[in-house]
Amino acid sequence: MTTGNVDGTRQGATVWLTGLPSAGKTTIAHELAGRLRAAGHRVEVLDGDEIRGFLSAGLGFSREDRDTNVQRIGFVAELLAAHGVLVLVPVIAPYADSRAAVRERHRAKGTAYLEVHVAAPLEVCSARDVKGLYARQAAGELSGLTGVDDPYEAPRTPDLRVESQHQSAPESASAVHALLVERGLA
């Protein structure tokens, strides 16, 4: 059963998928988005790479710029979720305090927020290397790669931990969908 808002629309929520590069965040988000849309939900995927090209153009990868990027994405996600959209956010967000600030913004506004840790180990992500980032870092062409030579603070108590190295993207999306159903959001 889905809960509704006062205006009759379905309740929205932000589902933040955090994890290392090439963990499977975006693949899982798009798989889940298709399922949710097929069930009649309003869904948006706020992909980190796309956001960096528009909303956060000009930001670098310093800690301050990464925090700014996460807060901008969190602001947009909360706005959409507050208007009945299920917002899937496959964004690394490497710092725990940045993610906590986004969660707190949602809490303060009364908007549902779920954190999903896509917890593939570094070795698996490096082997997948979807965007060639690990190869570029190994060749000395790239520095500041999250989880390699820049920190990644894994969530200690996410709402869900998905170990994408042990299951397919559809299976991982099913686990996130089950959490949404359990929380009355899908």
Protein backbone atom coordinates (compact mmCIF):
# COMPACT_ATOMS: atom_id res chain seq x y z
CA MET A 1 0.00 0.00 0.00
CA THR A 2 1.28 3.44 -0.87
CA THR A 3 0.75 6.37 1.42
CA GLY A 4 -0.47 9.60 -0.06
CA ASN A 5 0.03 13.26 0.54
CA VAL A 6 -2.75 15.63 1.56
CA ASP A 7 -3.22 16.64 -2.09
CA GLY A 8 -3.79 13.01 -3.14
CA THR A 9 -0.38 12.46 -4.72
CA ARG A 10 1.79 9.57 -3.67
CA GLN A 11 4.39 10.21 -1.03
CA GLY A 12 7.83 10.88 -2.45
CA ALA A 13 11.18 9.91 -1.04
CA THR A 14 14.87 10.23 -1.72
CA VAL A 15 16.85 7.02 -2.08
CA TRP A 16 20.56 7.88 -1.95
CA LEU A 17 22.76 5.11 -3.35
CA THR A 18 26.31 5.64 -2.11
CA GLY A 19 29.38 3.56 -2.84
CA LEU A 20 32.69 3.49 -4.64
CA PRO A 21 33.01 4.30 -8.35
CA SER A 22 31.84 1.29 -10.43
CA ALA A 23 30.02 -0.29 -7.47
CA GLY A 24 26.80 -0.40 -9.50
CA LYS A 25 24.90 2.59 -8.09
CA THR A 26 23.68 4.01 -11.40
CA THR A 27 22.86 0.62 -12.91
CA ILE A 28 20.77 -0.29 -9.87
CA ALA A 29 19.06 3.13 -9.89
CA HIS A 30 18.02 2.82 -13.54
CA GLU A 31 16.81 -0.76 -13.05
CA LEU A 32 14.73 0.34 -10.06
CA ALA A 33 13.45 3.44 -11.86
CA GLY A 34 12.03 1.29 -14.65
CA ARG A 35 10.17 -0.91 -12.18
CA LEU A 36 8.79 2.03 -10.26
CA ARG A 37 7.63 3.84 -13.40
CA ALA A 38 5.93 0.65 -14.63
CA ALA A 39 4.02 0.62 -11.32
CA GLY A 40 2.82 4.20 -11.91
CA HIS A 41 5.27 6.11 -9.71
CA ARG A 42 6.77 9.45 -10.59
CA VAL A 43 10.52 8.83 -10.59
CA GLU A 44 13.65 10.88 -11.23
CA VAL A 45 17.24 9.67 -11.28
CA LEU A 46 19.70 12.38 -10.26
CA ASP A 47 22.88 10.88 -11.70
CA GLY A 48 26.06 12.30 -10.23
CA ASP A 49 27.86 12.63 -13.57
CA GLU A 50 24.95 14.48 -15.16
CA ILE A 51 24.57 16.79 -12.14
CA ARG A 52 28.28 17.64 -12.27
CA GLY A 53 27.84 18.74 -15.88
CA PHE A 54 25.00 21.14 -15.12
CA LEU A 55 24.04 21.98 -11.53
CA SER A 56 27.58 21.65 -10.20
CA ALA A 57 29.55 22.72 -13.28
CA GLY A 58 32.77 24.38 -12.23
CA LEU A 59 33.18 22.45 -9.02
CA GLY A 60 36.33 20.42 -8.56
CA PHE A 61 36.97 17.42 -6.33
CA SER A 62 38.28 19.08 -3.16
CA ARG A 63 36.45 18.13 0.00
CA GLU A 64 34.68 21.50 0.01
CA ASP A 65 33.57 21.12 -3.62
CA ARG A 66 32.41 17.55 -3.03
CA ASP A 67 30.38 18.72 -0.01
CA THR A 68 28.86 21.55 -2.06
CA ASN A 69 27.94 19.10 -4.82
CA VAL A 70 26.27 16.72 -2.37
CA GLN A 71 24.32 19.55 -0.70
CA ARG A 72 23.10 20.85 -4.07
CA ILE A 73 21.94 17.40 -5.10
CA GLY A 74 20.34 16.86 -1.69
CA PHE A 75 18.44 20.14 -2.00
CA VAL A 76 17.02 19.21 -5.43
CA ALA A 77 16.22 15.67 -4.29
CA GLU A 78 14.30 16.93 -1.25
CA LEU A 79 12.31 19.40 -3.37
CA LEU A 80 11.28 16.69 -5.81
CA ALA A 81 10.55 14.15 -3.07
CA ALA A 82 8.43 16.68 -1.20
CA HIS A 83 6.25 16.87 -4.33
CA GLY A 84 5.59 13.15 -4.57
CA VAL A 85 8.53 12.03 -6.68
CA LEU A 86 10.64 8.99 -5.84
CA VAL A 87 14.13 10.38 -6.33
CA LEU A 88 16.97 7.93 -6.90
CA VAL A 89 20.39 9.47 -6.30
CA PRO A 90 23.33 7.30 -7.42
CA VAL A 91 26.07 9.61 -6.13
CA ILE A 92 29.26 8.59 -4.32
CA ALA A 93 28.99 11.26 -1.60
CA PRO A 94 32.22 10.08 0.04
CA TYR A 95 31.90 11.91 3.36
CA ALA A 96 29.59 10.73 6.13
CA ASP A 97 28.93 14.26 7.42
CA SER A 98 27.75 15.43 3.98
CA ARG A 99 25.33 12.52 3.74
CA ALA A 100 24.16 13.18 7.31
CA ALA A 101 23.44 16.82 6.44
CA VAL A 102 21.28 15.72 3.49
CA ARG A 103 19.43 13.24 5.71
CA GLU A 104 18.87 15.97 8.31
CA ARG A 105 17.50 18.37 5.67
CA HIS A 106 14.98 15.72 4.66
CA ARG A 107 14.09 14.99 8.29
CA ALA A 108 13.58 18.69 9.05
CA LYS A 109 11.25 19.01 6.05
CA GLY A 110 9.38 15.79 6.89
CA THR A 111 10.52 14.11 3.67
CA ALA A 112 11.39 10.41 3.54
CA TYR A 113 15.07 9.62 3.01
CA LEU A 114 16.73 6.22 2.63
CA GLU A 115 20.45 5.58 2.39
CA VAL A 116 21.55 2.52 0.44
CA HIS A 117 25.18 1.48 0.57
CA VAL A 118 26.18 -0.29 -2.63
CA ALA A 119 29.06 -2.06 -0.93
CA ALA A 120 31.17 -3.64 -3.64
CA PRO A 121 34.81 -3.99 -2.54
CA LEU A 122 37.53 -1.89 -4.16
CA GLU A 123 38.98 -4.90 -6.02
CA VAL A 124 35.60 -5.62 -7.66
CA CYS A 125 35.03 -1.96 -8.57
CA SER A 126 38.54 -1.70 -10.00
CA ALA A 127 37.97 -4.82 -12.14
CA ARG A 128 34.64 -3.44 -13.41
CA ASP A 129 36.14 0.02 -14.05
CA VAL A 130 33.04 1.16 -15.94
CA LYS A 131 34.43 4.63 -16.75
CA GLY A 132 38.12 3.75 -16.89
CA LEU A 133 38.86 5.77 -13.76
CA TYR A 134 40.87 3.08 -11.98
CA ALA A 135 43.02 2.50 -15.08
CA ARG A 136 43.63 6.24 -15.43
CA GLN A 137 44.55 6.48 -11.74
CA ALA A 138 46.93 3.51 -12.02
CA ALA A 139 48.57 5.14 -15.07
CA GLY A 140 49.13 8.36 -13.13
CA GLU A 141 46.65 10.32 -15.27
CA LEU A 142 44.16 10.88 -12.45
CA SER A 143 44.47 11.62 -8.76
CA GLY A 144 41.87 12.00 -6.04
CA LEU A 145 39.98 8.83 -6.95
CA THR A 146 37.50 8.04 -4.21
CA GLY A 147 38.49 4.92 -2.32
CA VAL A 148 41.99 4.80 -3.79
CA ASP A 149 43.86 8.01 -3.05
CA ASP A 150 40.93 10.00 -1.70
CA PRO A 151 38.78 8.88 1.25
CA TYR A 152 35.45 7.10 1.15
CA GLU A 153 33.62 6.91 4.48
CA ALA A 154 31.29 3.92 4.18
CA PRO A 155 27.94 4.30 5.95
CA ARG A 156 27.92 2.62 9.37
CA THR A 157 24.15 2.21 9.57
CA PRO A 158 22.58 2.54 6.13
CA ASP A 159 18.92 1.70 5.67
CA LEU A 160 20.09 -1.07 3.35
CA ARG A 161 23.45 -2.53 2.34
CA VAL A 162 23.58 -4.13 -1.11
CA GLU A 163 26.62 -6.26 -1.93
CA SER A 164 26.47 -5.88 -5.71
CA GLN A 165 29.33 -8.29 -6.29
CA HIS A 166 27.09 -11.15 -5.08
CA GLN A 167 23.92 -10.34 -7.02
CA SER A 168 22.77 -9.00 -10.37
CA ALA A 169 21.52 -5.45 -10.88
CA PRO A 170 17.89 -6.70 -11.04
CA GLU A 171 18.39 -8.56 -7.73
CA SER A 172 19.92 -5.46 -6.13
CA ALA A 173 17.06 -3.31 -7.45
CA SER A 174 14.60 -5.83 -5.99
CA ALA A 175 16.22 -5.45 -2.57
CA VAL A 176 15.86 -1.65 -2.72
CA HIS A 177 12.29 -2.00 -3.99
CA ALA A 178 11.49 -4.32 -1.07
CA LEU A 179 12.77 -1.65 1.34
CA LEU A 180 10.54 0.98 -0.31
CA VAL A 181 7.54 -1.35 0.00
CA GLU A 182 8.41 -2.14 3.64
CA ARG A 183 8.51 1.61 4.42
CA GLY A 184 5.20 2.24 2.60
CA LEU A 185 6.86 4.26 -0.17
CA ALA A 186 6.17 1.96 -3.15
